[in-house]
C-alpha cells in the first residue's frame, strides 16, 4: 500500500475574512474567478466538478466546463440523455465544486438544476466550432458502444451530410442552470486553520453568512 501521510503543504497565499467579503456569493465568486484567471497558472479556470445522485442511488462526480454565471446561477451544457442528464432529471439537487490549487482556494456550491431555455442553448450551440457541434450529434453519451471506429465513421458521414450547411442543435443537447442554495468559499491558511465562509439562501432571497471551523 502506498503511504501518502507525508504529503503536506502549508497554505499561506491569502485570507478570507468577514470584513472583506460582499453580501452576495456571486460577487465573491466573480472576484475569485477573475483573480485566478489573472494569476495565469491554471489553463481552464472554468473547469468544475459536477456531482449528482444517480438512479442507482450512488453519487457520481465528473469534470465539466462552466460556460456562464450571473446572479441567477451557473450554466453548463451537456447531453440531456447522458447518465448525468438523466440523474439531474430524476434529482435536480446537485453540487458544483471548483479547486484552484495555485490560489489555495475551493468553492463548493449546492444548488438546484433546471434546463436552460431552448434559445439560450441554441445560441451557445451556434457559437461552437463545427467539429464540436457534430461531436455532440455523434455521441450517444454514456451509452455502451462497440468501438471508437463506430464514432469515427458516424462523424465522417455527418461531415459529408452537413458540408456547407448549418448544423442545428439536436433536441437532446442543451444547458443546465444551477441555482445556488448554498455556497462555501474555502481559503487555505497555515497550520490547517483554513478559512471557510458559507452563504445560505434565505426565504427572503438574502444570504446568511457564517464562518465554519476548518
N, C-alpha and C. Protein backbone atom coordinates (compact mmCIF):
# COMPACT_ATOMS: atom_id res chain seq x y z
N UNK A 1 0.84 -1.19 0.00
CA UNK A 1 0.00 0.00 0.00
C UNK A 1 0.88 1.25 0.00
N UNK A 2 0.55 2.21 -0.85
CA UNK A 2 1.31 3.46 -0.92
C UNK A 2 0.92 4.37 0.24
N UNK A 3 1.89 4.82 1.01
CA UNK A 3 1.65 5.67 2.16
C UNK A 3 1.85 7.12 1.76
N UNK A 4 0.77 7.92 1.83
CA UNK A 4 0.83 9.33 1.43
C UNK A 4 0.77 10.27 2.61
N UNK A 5 1.02 9.75 3.81
CA UNK A 5 0.83 10.54 5.02
C UNK A 5 1.80 11.71 5.12
N UNK A 6 2.91 11.66 4.40
CA UNK A 6 3.88 12.75 4.46
C UNK A 6 3.66 13.80 3.37
N UNK A 7 2.62 13.65 2.56
CA UNK A 7 2.30 14.67 1.56
C UNK A 7 1.63 15.83 2.27
N UNK A 8 2.38 16.90 2.50
CA UNK A 8 1.84 18.04 3.23
C UNK A 8 2.26 19.33 2.55
N UNK A 9 1.42 20.34 2.68
CA UNK A 9 1.71 21.66 2.14
C UNK A 9 1.19 22.70 3.11
N UNK A 10 1.94 23.78 3.31
CA UNK A 10 1.47 24.88 4.14
C UNK A 10 0.80 25.92 3.24
N UNK A 11 -0.45 26.26 3.55
CA UNK A 11 -1.22 27.21 2.74
C UNK A 11 -1.06 28.62 3.32
N UNK A 12 -0.46 29.51 2.54
CA UNK A 12 -0.11 30.82 3.09
C UNK A 12 -0.34 31.97 2.11
N UNK A 13 -1.10 31.78 1.06
CA UNK A 13 -1.16 32.78 -0.01
C UNK A 13 -2.18 33.89 0.24
N UNK A 14 -3.23 33.63 1.00
CA UNK A 14 -4.26 34.65 1.14
C UNK A 14 -5.06 34.38 2.41
N UNK A 15 -6.11 35.20 2.61
CA UNK A 15 -7.01 35.03 3.75
C UNK A 15 -8.42 35.39 3.31
N UNK A 16 -9.39 34.91 4.07
CA UNK A 16 -10.80 35.17 3.77
C UNK A 16 -11.46 35.62 5.08
N UNK A 17 -11.72 36.91 5.17
CA UNK A 17 -12.25 37.48 6.40
C UNK A 17 -13.61 38.12 6.16
N UNK A 18 -14.43 38.12 7.19
CA UNK A 18 -15.77 38.71 7.08
C UNK A 18 -15.72 40.19 6.72
N UNK A 19 -14.62 40.83 7.02
CA UNK A 19 -14.51 42.27 6.76
C UNK A 19 -14.25 42.61 5.30
N UNK A 20 -13.93 41.60 4.47
CA UNK A 20 -13.63 41.91 3.07
C UNK A 20 -14.43 41.07 2.07
N UNK A 21 -15.64 40.67 2.48
CA UNK A 21 -16.48 39.89 1.57
C UNK A 21 -17.79 40.62 1.30
N UNK A 22 -18.38 40.42 0.11
CA UNK A 22 -19.67 41.05 -0.22
C UNK A 22 -20.83 40.29 0.40
N UNK A 23 -22.02 40.87 0.33
CA UNK A 23 -23.21 40.22 0.87
C UNK A 23 -23.72 39.11 -0.03
N UNK A 24 -23.32 39.12 -1.30
CA UNK A 24 -23.81 38.16 -2.29
C UNK A 24 -22.67 37.24 -2.71
N UNK A 25 -22.86 35.91 -2.67
CA UNK A 25 -21.76 35.00 -3.03
C UNK A 25 -21.37 35.08 -4.50
N UNK A 26 -22.29 35.48 -5.38
CA UNK A 26 -21.94 35.57 -6.80
C UNK A 26 -20.87 36.63 -7.00
N UNK A 27 -20.96 37.71 -6.25
CA UNK A 27 -19.94 38.76 -6.36
C UNK A 27 -18.57 38.27 -5.90
N UNK A 28 -18.56 37.48 -4.83
CA UNK A 28 -17.29 36.93 -4.36
C UNK A 28 -16.76 35.90 -5.34
N UNK A 29 -17.65 35.07 -5.90
CA UNK A 29 -17.21 34.10 -6.90
C UNK A 29 -16.60 34.83 -8.10
N UNK A 30 -17.25 35.90 -8.54
CA UNK A 30 -16.75 36.69 -9.66
C UNK A 30 -15.33 37.18 -9.36
N UNK A 31 -15.13 37.70 -8.15
CA UNK A 31 -13.82 38.20 -7.76
C UNK A 31 -12.76 37.09 -7.79
N UNK A 32 -13.09 35.96 -7.15
CA UNK A 32 -12.13 34.85 -7.10
C UNK A 32 -11.84 34.29 -8.48
N UNK A 33 -12.88 34.16 -9.31
CA UNK A 33 -12.71 33.58 -10.64
C UNK A 33 -11.70 34.40 -11.44
N UNK A 34 -11.88 35.71 -11.47
CA UNK A 34 -11.01 36.54 -12.29
C UNK A 34 -9.64 36.77 -11.65
N UNK A 35 -9.54 36.70 -10.34
CA UNK A 35 -8.22 36.72 -9.71
C UNK A 35 -7.43 35.48 -10.12
N UNK A 36 -8.11 34.34 -10.17
CA UNK A 36 -7.46 33.09 -10.57
C UNK A 36 -7.05 33.15 -12.03
N UNK A 37 -7.94 33.65 -12.86
CA UNK A 37 -7.63 33.77 -14.29
C UNK A 37 -6.42 34.69 -14.52
N UNK A 38 -6.38 35.81 -13.83
CA UNK A 38 -5.29 36.77 -13.99
C UNK A 38 -3.97 36.21 -13.47
N UNK A 39 -4.04 35.34 -12.48
CA UNK A 39 -2.83 34.74 -11.92
C UNK A 39 -2.13 33.86 -12.95
N UNK A 40 -2.91 33.21 -13.83
CA UNK A 40 -2.38 32.60 -15.03
C UNK A 40 -1.79 31.21 -14.92
N UNK A 41 -1.86 30.55 -13.78
CA UNK A 41 -1.25 29.23 -13.65
C UNK A 41 -2.22 28.07 -13.90
N UNK A 42 -3.47 28.37 -14.22
CA UNK A 42 -4.47 27.33 -14.45
C UNK A 42 -5.01 27.49 -15.86
N UNK A 43 -4.94 26.43 -16.66
CA UNK A 43 -5.35 26.51 -18.06
C UNK A 43 -6.86 26.70 -18.21
N UNK A 44 -7.63 25.96 -17.44
CA UNK A 44 -9.09 26.04 -17.55
C UNK A 44 -9.66 26.41 -16.19
N UNK A 45 -9.71 27.71 -15.95
CA UNK A 45 -10.24 28.20 -14.68
C UNK A 45 -11.69 27.78 -14.51
N UNK A 46 -12.40 27.60 -15.64
CA UNK A 46 -13.83 27.27 -15.60
C UNK A 46 -14.11 25.78 -15.46
N UNK A 47 -13.08 24.97 -15.25
CA UNK A 47 -13.30 23.54 -15.02
C UNK A 47 -13.89 23.34 -13.62
N UNK A 48 -14.96 22.57 -13.55
CA UNK A 48 -15.61 22.34 -12.26
C UNK A 48 -16.09 20.90 -12.19
N UNK A 49 -16.21 20.41 -10.98
CA UNK A 49 -16.75 19.07 -10.75
C UNK A 49 -18.25 19.17 -10.51
N UNK A 50 -19.02 18.38 -11.25
CA UNK A 50 -20.46 18.30 -11.05
C UNK A 50 -20.79 16.96 -10.43
N UNK A 51 -21.43 16.99 -9.26
CA UNK A 51 -21.81 15.76 -8.57
C UNK A 51 -23.32 15.61 -8.58
N UNK A 52 -23.78 14.41 -8.94
CA UNK A 52 -25.20 14.11 -9.00
C UNK A 52 -25.47 12.81 -8.24
N UNK A 53 -26.73 12.55 -7.96
CA UNK A 53 -27.14 11.27 -7.39
C UNK A 53 -27.81 10.47 -8.51
N UNK A 54 -27.21 9.33 -8.85
CA UNK A 54 -27.73 8.52 -9.95
C UNK A 54 -28.98 7.74 -9.57
N UNK A 55 -29.59 7.16 -10.58
CA UNK A 55 -30.78 6.35 -10.35
C UNK A 55 -30.46 5.11 -9.52
N UNK A 56 -29.17 4.71 -9.49
CA UNK A 56 -28.76 3.57 -8.68
C UNK A 56 -28.51 3.96 -7.22
N UNK A 57 -28.72 5.25 -6.89
CA UNK A 57 -28.56 5.71 -5.52
C UNK A 57 -27.15 6.15 -5.16
N UNK A 58 -26.19 5.97 -6.07
CA UNK A 58 -24.82 6.35 -5.80
C UNK A 58 -24.54 7.76 -6.30
N UNK A 59 -23.72 8.53 -5.56
CA UNK A 59 -23.26 9.81 -6.10
C UNK A 59 -22.22 9.56 -7.19
N UNK A 60 -22.14 10.48 -8.13
CA UNK A 60 -21.12 10.40 -9.16
C UNK A 60 -20.65 11.81 -9.49
N UNK A 61 -19.34 11.97 -9.63
CA UNK A 61 -18.75 13.27 -9.92
C UNK A 61 -17.97 13.19 -11.22
N UNK A 62 -18.00 14.29 -11.97
CA UNK A 62 -17.23 14.39 -13.21
C UNK A 62 -16.92 15.85 -13.47
N UNK A 63 -15.86 16.09 -14.22
CA UNK A 63 -15.44 17.46 -14.51
C UNK A 63 -16.07 17.93 -15.81
N UNK A 64 -16.69 19.10 -15.78
CA UNK A 64 -17.24 19.75 -16.96
C UNK A 64 -16.76 21.20 -16.96
N UNK A 65 -17.14 21.94 -17.99
CA UNK A 65 -16.72 23.34 -18.08
C UNK A 65 -17.89 24.28 -17.84
N UNK A 66 -17.70 25.19 -16.91
CA UNK A 66 -18.66 26.26 -16.68
C UNK A 66 -18.63 27.19 -17.89
N UNK A 67 -19.81 27.53 -18.41
CA UNK A 67 -19.87 28.37 -19.60
C UNK A 67 -20.45 29.75 -19.35
N UNK A 68 -21.13 29.93 -18.23
CA UNK A 68 -21.68 31.25 -17.93
C UNK A 68 -22.07 31.28 -16.46
N UNK A 69 -21.94 32.44 -15.82
CA UNK A 69 -22.50 32.61 -14.49
C UNK A 69 -22.97 34.05 -14.34
N UNK A 70 -24.06 34.20 -13.58
CA UNK A 70 -24.62 35.52 -13.30
C UNK A 70 -25.40 35.43 -12.00
N UNK A 71 -26.23 36.43 -11.73
CA UNK A 71 -26.96 36.45 -10.47
C UNK A 71 -27.95 35.29 -10.34
N UNK A 72 -28.33 34.67 -11.48
CA UNK A 72 -29.24 33.52 -11.42
C UNK A 72 -28.53 32.24 -11.02
N UNK A 73 -27.28 32.09 -11.46
CA UNK A 73 -26.56 30.87 -11.14
C UNK A 73 -25.49 30.53 -12.15
N UNK A 74 -25.25 29.22 -12.32
CA UNK A 74 -24.10 28.70 -13.06
C UNK A 74 -24.60 27.79 -14.18
N UNK A 75 -24.09 27.99 -15.40
CA UNK A 75 -24.60 27.26 -16.56
C UNK A 75 -23.51 26.39 -17.18
N UNK A 76 -23.87 25.14 -17.46
CA UNK A 76 -23.01 24.26 -18.25
C UNK A 76 -23.90 23.52 -19.25
N UNK A 77 -23.27 22.88 -20.24
CA UNK A 77 -24.01 22.22 -21.31
C UNK A 77 -23.65 20.75 -21.38
N UNK A 78 -24.63 19.94 -21.79
CA UNK A 78 -24.40 18.50 -21.83
C UNK A 78 -25.47 17.83 -22.69
N UNK A 79 -25.33 16.53 -22.84
CA UNK A 79 -26.35 15.70 -23.48
C UNK A 79 -27.39 15.36 -22.41
N UNK A 80 -28.64 15.76 -22.65
CA UNK A 80 -29.69 15.52 -21.66
C UNK A 80 -29.97 14.03 -21.46
N UNK A 81 -29.58 13.19 -22.45
CA UNK A 81 -29.84 11.76 -22.35
C UNK A 81 -28.64 11.00 -21.78
N UNK A 82 -27.61 11.72 -21.37
CA UNK A 82 -26.45 11.09 -20.74
C UNK A 82 -26.80 10.63 -19.33
N UNK A 83 -25.88 9.90 -18.72
CA UNK A 83 -26.08 9.48 -17.33
C UNK A 83 -26.27 10.70 -16.43
N UNK A 84 -25.48 11.73 -16.69
CA UNK A 84 -25.57 12.97 -15.92
C UNK A 84 -26.92 13.64 -16.11
N UNK A 85 -27.33 13.74 -17.38
CA UNK A 85 -28.61 14.39 -17.68
C UNK A 85 -29.79 13.67 -17.06
N UNK A 86 -29.78 12.35 -17.13
CA UNK A 86 -30.87 11.56 -16.57
C UNK A 86 -30.88 11.64 -15.04
N UNK A 87 -29.68 11.70 -14.44
CA UNK A 87 -29.61 11.82 -12.98
C UNK A 87 -30.21 13.15 -12.53
N UNK A 88 -29.90 14.22 -13.26
CA UNK A 88 -30.43 15.54 -12.92
C UNK A 88 -31.94 15.59 -13.12
N UNK A 89 -32.41 14.94 -14.16
CA UNK A 89 -33.86 14.91 -14.40
C UNK A 89 -34.58 14.23 -13.24
N UNK A 90 -33.98 13.16 -12.70
CA UNK A 90 -34.59 12.41 -11.60
C UNK A 90 -34.42 13.12 -10.26
N UNK A 91 -33.29 13.80 -10.09
CA UNK A 91 -33.00 14.51 -8.83
C UNK A 91 -32.19 15.76 -9.18
N UNK A 92 -32.82 16.92 -9.22
CA UNK A 92 -32.12 18.14 -9.65
C UNK A 92 -31.19 18.75 -8.61
N UNK A 93 -31.10 18.15 -7.42
CA UNK A 93 -30.18 18.65 -6.41
C UNK A 93 -28.76 18.22 -6.76
N UNK A 94 -27.90 19.18 -7.03
CA UNK A 94 -26.54 18.88 -7.48
C UNK A 94 -25.52 19.67 -6.66
N UNK A 95 -24.27 19.31 -6.82
CA UNK A 95 -23.17 20.04 -6.18
C UNK A 95 -22.13 20.36 -7.25
N UNK A 96 -21.69 21.60 -7.27
CA UNK A 96 -20.59 22.03 -8.13
C UNK A 96 -19.40 22.36 -7.23
N UNK A 97 -18.20 22.04 -7.69
CA UNK A 97 -17.03 22.43 -6.91
C UNK A 97 -15.89 22.85 -7.83
N UNK A 98 -15.19 23.88 -7.40
CA UNK A 98 -14.02 24.39 -8.09
C UNK A 98 -12.84 24.24 -7.14
N UNK A 99 -11.70 23.80 -7.67
CA UNK A 99 -10.46 23.75 -6.89
C UNK A 99 -9.38 24.45 -7.68
N UNK A 100 -8.98 25.61 -7.19
CA UNK A 100 -7.93 26.39 -7.84
C UNK A 100 -6.67 26.30 -6.98
N UNK A 101 -5.86 25.25 -7.25
CA UNK A 101 -4.75 24.91 -6.36
C UNK A 101 -3.71 26.01 -6.30
N UNK A 102 -3.48 26.72 -7.41
CA UNK A 102 -2.45 27.76 -7.39
C UNK A 102 -2.84 28.93 -6.48
N UNK A 103 -4.15 29.08 -6.22
CA UNK A 103 -4.64 30.14 -5.33
C UNK A 103 -4.97 29.60 -3.94
N UNK A 104 -4.85 28.26 -3.77
CA UNK A 104 -5.18 27.60 -2.50
C UNK A 104 -6.64 27.88 -2.12
N UNK A 105 -7.53 27.73 -3.12
CA UNK A 105 -8.94 28.06 -2.92
C UNK A 105 -9.85 26.96 -3.47
N UNK A 106 -10.97 26.80 -2.79
CA UNK A 106 -12.06 25.95 -3.27
C UNK A 106 -13.37 26.74 -3.16
N UNK A 107 -14.30 26.41 -4.07
CA UNK A 107 -15.67 26.90 -3.96
C UNK A 107 -16.59 25.70 -4.13
N UNK A 108 -17.51 25.52 -3.20
CA UNK A 108 -18.45 24.39 -3.23
C UNK A 108 -19.87 24.95 -3.25
N UNK A 109 -20.64 24.55 -4.25
CA UNK A 109 -21.96 25.12 -4.49
C UNK A 109 -23.01 24.02 -4.47
N UNK A 110 -23.95 24.11 -3.55
CA UNK A 110 -25.13 23.25 -3.58
C UNK A 110 -26.24 24.01 -4.28
N UNK A 111 -26.89 23.37 -5.25
CA UNK A 111 -27.93 24.08 -5.98
C UNK A 111 -28.93 23.16 -6.63
N UNK A 112 -29.90 23.77 -7.26
CA UNK A 112 -30.97 23.04 -7.95
C UNK A 112 -30.84 23.32 -9.44
N UNK A 113 -30.73 22.27 -10.23
CA UNK A 113 -30.50 22.39 -11.67
C UNK A 113 -31.82 22.38 -12.43
N UNK A 114 -31.86 23.19 -13.48
CA UNK A 114 -33.01 23.20 -14.39
C UNK A 114 -32.48 23.45 -15.80
N UNK A 115 -33.22 22.98 -16.79
CA UNK A 115 -32.80 23.20 -18.17
C UNK A 115 -32.87 24.68 -18.52
N UNK A 116 -31.90 25.13 -19.29
CA UNK A 116 -31.96 26.50 -19.79
C UNK A 116 -32.99 26.57 -20.91
N UNK A 117 -33.33 27.78 -21.33
CA UNK A 117 -34.28 27.94 -22.44
C UNK A 117 -33.66 27.38 -23.72
N UNK A 118 -34.52 26.98 -24.65
CA UNK A 118 -34.06 26.49 -25.94
C UNK A 118 -33.26 27.56 -26.66
N UNK A 119 -33.68 28.81 -26.52
CA UNK A 119 -32.99 29.91 -27.19
C UNK A 119 -31.55 30.05 -26.69
N UNK A 120 -31.37 29.95 -25.38
CA UNK A 120 -30.03 30.05 -24.82
C UNK A 120 -29.16 28.89 -25.27
N UNK A 121 -29.73 27.69 -25.29
CA UNK A 121 -28.98 26.52 -25.76
C UNK A 121 -28.63 26.66 -27.24
N UNK A 122 -29.58 27.16 -28.04
CA UNK A 122 -29.32 27.38 -29.47
C UNK A 122 -28.18 28.36 -29.66
N UNK A 123 -28.21 29.45 -28.90
CA UNK A 123 -27.19 30.49 -29.05
C UNK A 123 -25.80 29.95 -28.74
N UNK A 124 -25.70 29.17 -27.67
CA UNK A 124 -24.39 28.63 -27.33
C UNK A 124 -23.96 27.59 -28.36
N UNK A 125 -24.88 26.71 -28.77
CA UNK A 125 -24.54 25.68 -29.75
C UNK A 125 -24.03 26.32 -31.03
N UNK A 126 -24.69 27.40 -31.46
CA UNK A 126 -24.28 28.08 -32.69
C UNK A 126 -22.89 28.68 -32.59
N UNK A 127 -22.43 28.98 -31.37
CA UNK A 127 -21.11 29.59 -31.18
C UNK A 127 -19.99 28.55 -31.22
N UNK A 128 -20.34 27.26 -31.17
CA UNK A 128 -19.32 26.22 -31.11
C UNK A 128 -18.71 25.95 -32.48
N UNK A 129 -17.47 25.46 -32.55
CA UNK A 129 -16.89 25.03 -33.83
C UNK A 129 -17.71 23.88 -34.42
N UNK A 130 -17.68 23.76 -35.75
CA UNK A 130 -18.47 22.70 -36.40
C UNK A 130 -18.11 21.32 -35.89
N UNK A 131 -16.82 21.09 -35.60
CA UNK A 131 -16.42 19.78 -35.10
C UNK A 131 -17.07 19.44 -33.77
N UNK A 132 -17.19 20.43 -32.90
CA UNK A 132 -17.84 20.21 -31.61
C UNK A 132 -19.33 19.99 -31.78
N UNK A 133 -19.94 20.71 -32.72
CA UNK A 133 -21.36 20.52 -32.99
C UNK A 133 -21.62 19.09 -33.46
N UNK A 134 -20.81 18.63 -34.42
CA UNK A 134 -21.01 17.27 -34.94
C UNK A 134 -20.71 16.23 -33.88
N UNK A 135 -19.72 16.50 -33.02
CA UNK A 135 -19.41 15.57 -31.95
C UNK A 135 -20.58 15.38 -31.00
N UNK A 136 -21.32 16.48 -30.74
CA UNK A 136 -22.49 16.38 -29.87
C UNK A 136 -23.57 15.51 -30.49
N UNK A 137 -23.69 15.56 -31.82
CA UNK A 137 -24.70 14.76 -32.51
C UNK A 137 -24.27 13.30 -32.58
N UNK A 138 -22.98 13.09 -32.81
CA UNK A 138 -22.46 11.73 -32.99
C UNK A 138 -22.58 10.89 -31.73
N UNK A 139 -22.29 11.48 -30.58
CA UNK A 139 -22.14 10.71 -29.35
C UNK A 139 -23.46 10.46 -28.63
N UNK A 140 -23.80 9.20 -28.48
CA UNK A 140 -24.88 8.81 -27.57
C UNK A 140 -24.26 8.70 -26.18
N UNK A 141 -24.06 9.84 -25.56
CA UNK A 141 -23.22 9.95 -24.36
C UNK A 141 -23.65 8.98 -23.27
N UNK A 142 -22.67 8.31 -22.70
CA UNK A 142 -22.81 7.34 -21.60
C UNK A 142 -23.32 5.98 -22.06
N UNK A 143 -23.65 5.82 -23.35
CA UNK A 143 -24.11 4.51 -23.84
C UNK A 143 -22.91 3.63 -24.17
N UNK A 144 -23.09 2.32 -24.08
CA UNK A 144 -22.06 1.37 -24.47
C UNK A 144 -21.95 1.35 -26.00
N UNK A 145 -20.72 1.41 -26.53
CA UNK A 145 -20.51 1.33 -27.98
C UNK A 145 -19.51 0.23 -28.29
N UNK A 146 -19.52 -0.25 -29.53
CA UNK A 146 -18.67 -1.37 -29.90
C UNK A 146 -17.20 -0.98 -29.97
N UNK A 147 -16.92 0.20 -30.52
CA UNK A 147 -15.53 0.62 -30.69
C UNK A 147 -15.48 2.10 -31.04
N UNK A 148 -14.28 2.66 -31.02
CA UNK A 148 -14.11 4.05 -31.43
C UNK A 148 -14.39 4.21 -32.92
N UNK A 149 -14.15 3.14 -33.68
CA UNK A 149 -14.39 3.19 -35.13
C UNK A 149 -15.84 3.58 -35.43
N UNK A 150 -16.76 3.11 -34.62
CA UNK A 150 -18.17 3.44 -34.81
C UNK A 150 -18.37 4.95 -34.78
N UNK A 151 -17.74 5.61 -33.79
CA UNK A 151 -17.86 7.07 -33.69
C UNK A 151 -17.22 7.76 -34.88
N UNK A 152 -16.04 7.33 -35.27
CA UNK A 152 -15.31 7.99 -36.34
C UNK A 152 -16.04 7.85 -37.68
N UNK A 153 -16.63 6.70 -37.92
CA UNK A 153 -17.38 6.50 -39.17
C UNK A 153 -18.64 7.35 -39.19
N UNK A 154 -19.30 7.43 -38.05
CA UNK A 154 -20.50 8.26 -37.97
C UNK A 154 -20.16 9.73 -38.16
N UNK A 155 -19.03 10.16 -37.61
CA UNK A 155 -18.60 11.54 -37.77
C UNK A 155 -18.30 11.85 -39.24
N UNK A 156 -17.63 10.95 -39.93
CA UNK A 156 -17.33 11.17 -41.35
C UNK A 156 -18.61 11.31 -42.16
N UNK A 157 -19.59 10.47 -41.85
CA UNK A 157 -20.87 10.53 -42.58
C UNK A 157 -21.56 11.87 -42.34
N UNK A 158 -21.53 12.35 -41.11
CA UNK A 158 -22.16 13.64 -40.79
C UNK A 158 -21.40 14.81 -41.41
N UNK A 159 -20.08 14.71 -41.47
CA UNK A 159 -19.29 15.76 -42.11
C UNK A 159 -19.69 15.92 -43.57
N UNK A 160 -19.93 14.80 -44.24
CA UNK A 160 -20.38 14.86 -45.63
C UNK A 160 -21.79 15.40 -45.73
N UNK A 161 -22.66 14.96 -44.83
CA UNK A 161 -24.06 15.38 -44.86
C UNK A 161 -24.22 16.88 -44.64
N UNK A 162 -23.41 17.44 -43.74
CA UNK A 162 -23.58 18.86 -43.38
C UNK A 162 -22.54 19.78 -44.04
N UNK A 163 -21.80 19.27 -45.01
CA UNK A 163 -20.80 20.11 -45.66
C UNK A 163 -21.46 21.33 -46.30
N UNK A 164 -21.00 22.52 -45.87
CA UNK A 164 -21.55 23.75 -46.40
C UNK A 164 -22.92 24.11 -45.88
N UNK A 165 -23.40 23.40 -44.85
CA UNK A 165 -24.74 23.65 -44.32
C UNK A 165 -24.66 24.05 -42.85
N UNK A 166 -25.73 24.68 -42.37
CA UNK A 166 -25.84 24.97 -40.95
C UNK A 166 -26.09 23.67 -40.19
N UNK A 167 -25.50 23.56 -39.02
CA UNK A 167 -25.67 22.36 -38.20
C UNK A 167 -26.60 22.70 -37.04
N UNK A 168 -27.81 22.15 -37.03
CA UNK A 168 -28.77 22.51 -35.97
C UNK A 168 -28.47 21.80 -34.65
N UNK A 169 -28.83 22.45 -33.57
CA UNK A 169 -28.69 21.82 -32.25
C UNK A 169 -29.66 20.65 -32.12
N UNK A 170 -29.15 19.48 -31.74
CA UNK A 170 -30.06 18.35 -31.53
C UNK A 170 -30.91 18.58 -30.29
N UNK A 171 -32.16 18.12 -30.27
CA UNK A 171 -33.04 18.39 -29.13
C UNK A 171 -32.59 17.75 -27.82
N UNK A 172 -31.71 16.75 -27.90
CA UNK A 172 -31.25 16.08 -26.69
C UNK A 172 -30.02 16.74 -26.07
N UNK A 173 -29.62 17.89 -26.58
CA UNK A 173 -28.41 18.55 -26.11
C UNK A 173 -28.74 19.98 -25.71
N UNK A 174 -28.25 20.41 -24.54
CA UNK A 174 -28.53 21.79 -24.13
C UNK A 174 -27.93 22.10 -22.77
N UNK A 175 -28.39 23.19 -22.20
CA UNK A 175 -27.79 23.69 -20.98
C UNK A 175 -28.57 23.37 -19.72
N UNK A 176 -27.85 23.39 -18.61
CA UNK A 176 -28.45 23.35 -17.27
C UNK A 176 -28.01 24.61 -16.53
N UNK A 177 -28.96 25.24 -15.88
CA UNK A 177 -28.69 26.35 -14.96
C UNK A 177 -28.80 25.81 -13.55
N UNK A 178 -27.75 25.97 -12.77
CA UNK A 178 -27.77 25.56 -11.36
C UNK A 178 -27.98 26.81 -10.52
N UNK A 179 -29.14 26.86 -9.86
CA UNK A 179 -29.46 27.99 -8.99
C UNK A 179 -28.92 27.69 -7.60
N UNK A 180 -27.96 28.47 -7.10
CA UNK A 180 -27.31 28.15 -5.82
C UNK A 180 -28.23 28.34 -4.62
N UNK A 181 -28.16 27.39 -3.71
CA UNK A 181 -28.85 27.47 -2.43
C UNK A 181 -27.86 27.67 -1.29
N UNK A 182 -26.64 27.20 -1.52
CA UNK A 182 -25.58 27.34 -0.52
C UNK A 182 -24.24 27.40 -1.26
N UNK A 183 -23.40 28.34 -0.87
CA UNK A 183 -22.08 28.49 -1.49
C UNK A 183 -21.04 28.61 -0.38
N UNK A 184 -20.05 27.73 -0.42
CA UNK A 184 -18.96 27.78 0.56
C UNK A 184 -17.65 28.15 -0.12
N UNK A 185 -16.97 29.12 0.45
CA UNK A 185 -15.66 29.54 -0.03
C UNK A 185 -14.60 29.06 0.96
N UNK A 186 -13.58 28.43 0.44
CA UNK A 186 -12.52 27.83 1.26
C UNK A 186 -11.19 28.43 0.85
N UNK A 187 -10.52 29.04 1.79
CA UNK A 187 -9.19 29.61 1.54
C UNK A 187 -8.18 28.92 2.44
N UNK A 188 -7.16 28.32 1.84
CA UNK A 188 -6.15 27.64 2.63
C UNK A 188 -5.38 28.61 3.51
N UNK A 189 -5.10 28.18 4.75
CA UNK A 189 -4.35 29.00 5.71
C UNK A 189 -3.31 28.12 6.42
N UNK A 190 -2.33 28.74 7.07
CA UNK A 190 -1.30 27.96 7.77
C UNK A 190 -1.88 27.10 8.91
N UNK A 191 -1.16 26.03 9.22
CA UNK A 191 -1.49 25.14 10.34
C UNK A 191 -2.86 24.49 10.20
N UNK A 192 -3.33 24.37 8.97
CA UNK A 192 -4.63 23.74 8.67
C UNK A 192 -5.81 24.50 9.26
N UNK A 193 -5.59 25.75 9.70
CA UNK A 193 -6.70 26.57 10.21
C UNK A 193 -7.27 27.37 9.04
N UNK A 194 -7.84 26.65 8.08
CA UNK A 194 -8.33 27.26 6.85
C UNK A 194 -9.54 28.15 7.10
N UNK A 195 -9.70 29.15 6.25
CA UNK A 195 -10.90 30.00 6.30
C UNK A 195 -12.01 29.34 5.49
N UNK A 196 -13.18 29.20 6.11
CA UNK A 196 -14.36 28.67 5.42
C UNK A 196 -15.54 29.61 5.71
N UNK A 197 -16.04 30.23 4.67
CA UNK A 197 -17.19 31.11 4.78
C UNK A 197 -18.34 30.51 3.97
N UNK A 198 -19.49 30.35 4.62
CA UNK A 198 -20.66 29.74 3.96
C UNK A 198 -21.78 30.77 3.81
N UNK A 199 -22.31 30.83 2.60
CA UNK A 199 -23.50 31.63 2.30
C UNK A 199 -24.68 30.67 2.14
N UNK A 200 -25.80 30.94 2.82
CA UNK A 200 -27.01 30.14 2.68
C UNK A 200 -28.17 31.05 2.29
N UNK A 201 -28.88 30.66 1.23
CA UNK A 201 -30.00 31.45 0.74
C UNK A 201 -31.18 31.36 1.70
N UNK A 202 -31.76 32.52 2.02
CA UNK A 202 -32.88 32.59 2.95
C UNK A 202 -34.20 32.75 2.18
N UNK A 203 -35.30 32.62 2.89
CA UNK A 203 -36.62 32.70 2.26
C UNK A 203 -36.88 34.06 1.60
N UNK A 204 -36.24 35.11 2.11
CA UNK A 204 -36.43 36.44 1.52
C UNK A 204 -35.37 36.74 0.45
N UNK A 205 -34.64 35.70 0.05
CA UNK A 205 -33.61 35.78 -1.00
C UNK A 205 -32.37 36.56 -0.57
N UNK A 206 -32.24 36.85 0.70
CA UNK A 206 -30.98 37.36 1.22
C UNK A 206 -30.07 36.17 1.52
N UNK A 207 -28.82 36.44 1.86
CA UNK A 207 -27.87 35.38 2.15
C UNK A 207 -27.39 35.47 3.60
N UNK A 208 -27.49 34.35 4.29
CA UNK A 208 -26.95 34.24 5.64
C UNK A 208 -25.47 33.85 5.52
N UNK A 209 -24.61 34.60 6.19
CA UNK A 209 -23.17 34.37 6.10
C UNK A 209 -22.65 33.87 7.44
N UNK A 210 -21.93 32.74 7.41
CA UNK A 210 -21.40 32.15 8.63
C UNK A 210 -19.98 31.64 8.37
N UNK A 211 -19.19 31.65 9.43
CA UNK A 211 -17.85 31.05 9.37
C UNK A 211 -17.92 29.63 9.90
N UNK A 212 -17.27 28.70 9.21
CA UNK A 212 -17.23 27.31 9.63
C UNK A 212 -15.83 26.97 10.15
N UNK A 213 -15.78 26.06 11.10
CA UNK A 213 -14.48 25.58 11.58
C UNK A 213 -13.80 24.80 10.46
N UNK A 214 -12.49 24.90 10.34
CA UNK A 214 -11.78 24.21 9.25
C UNK A 214 -11.78 22.69 9.44
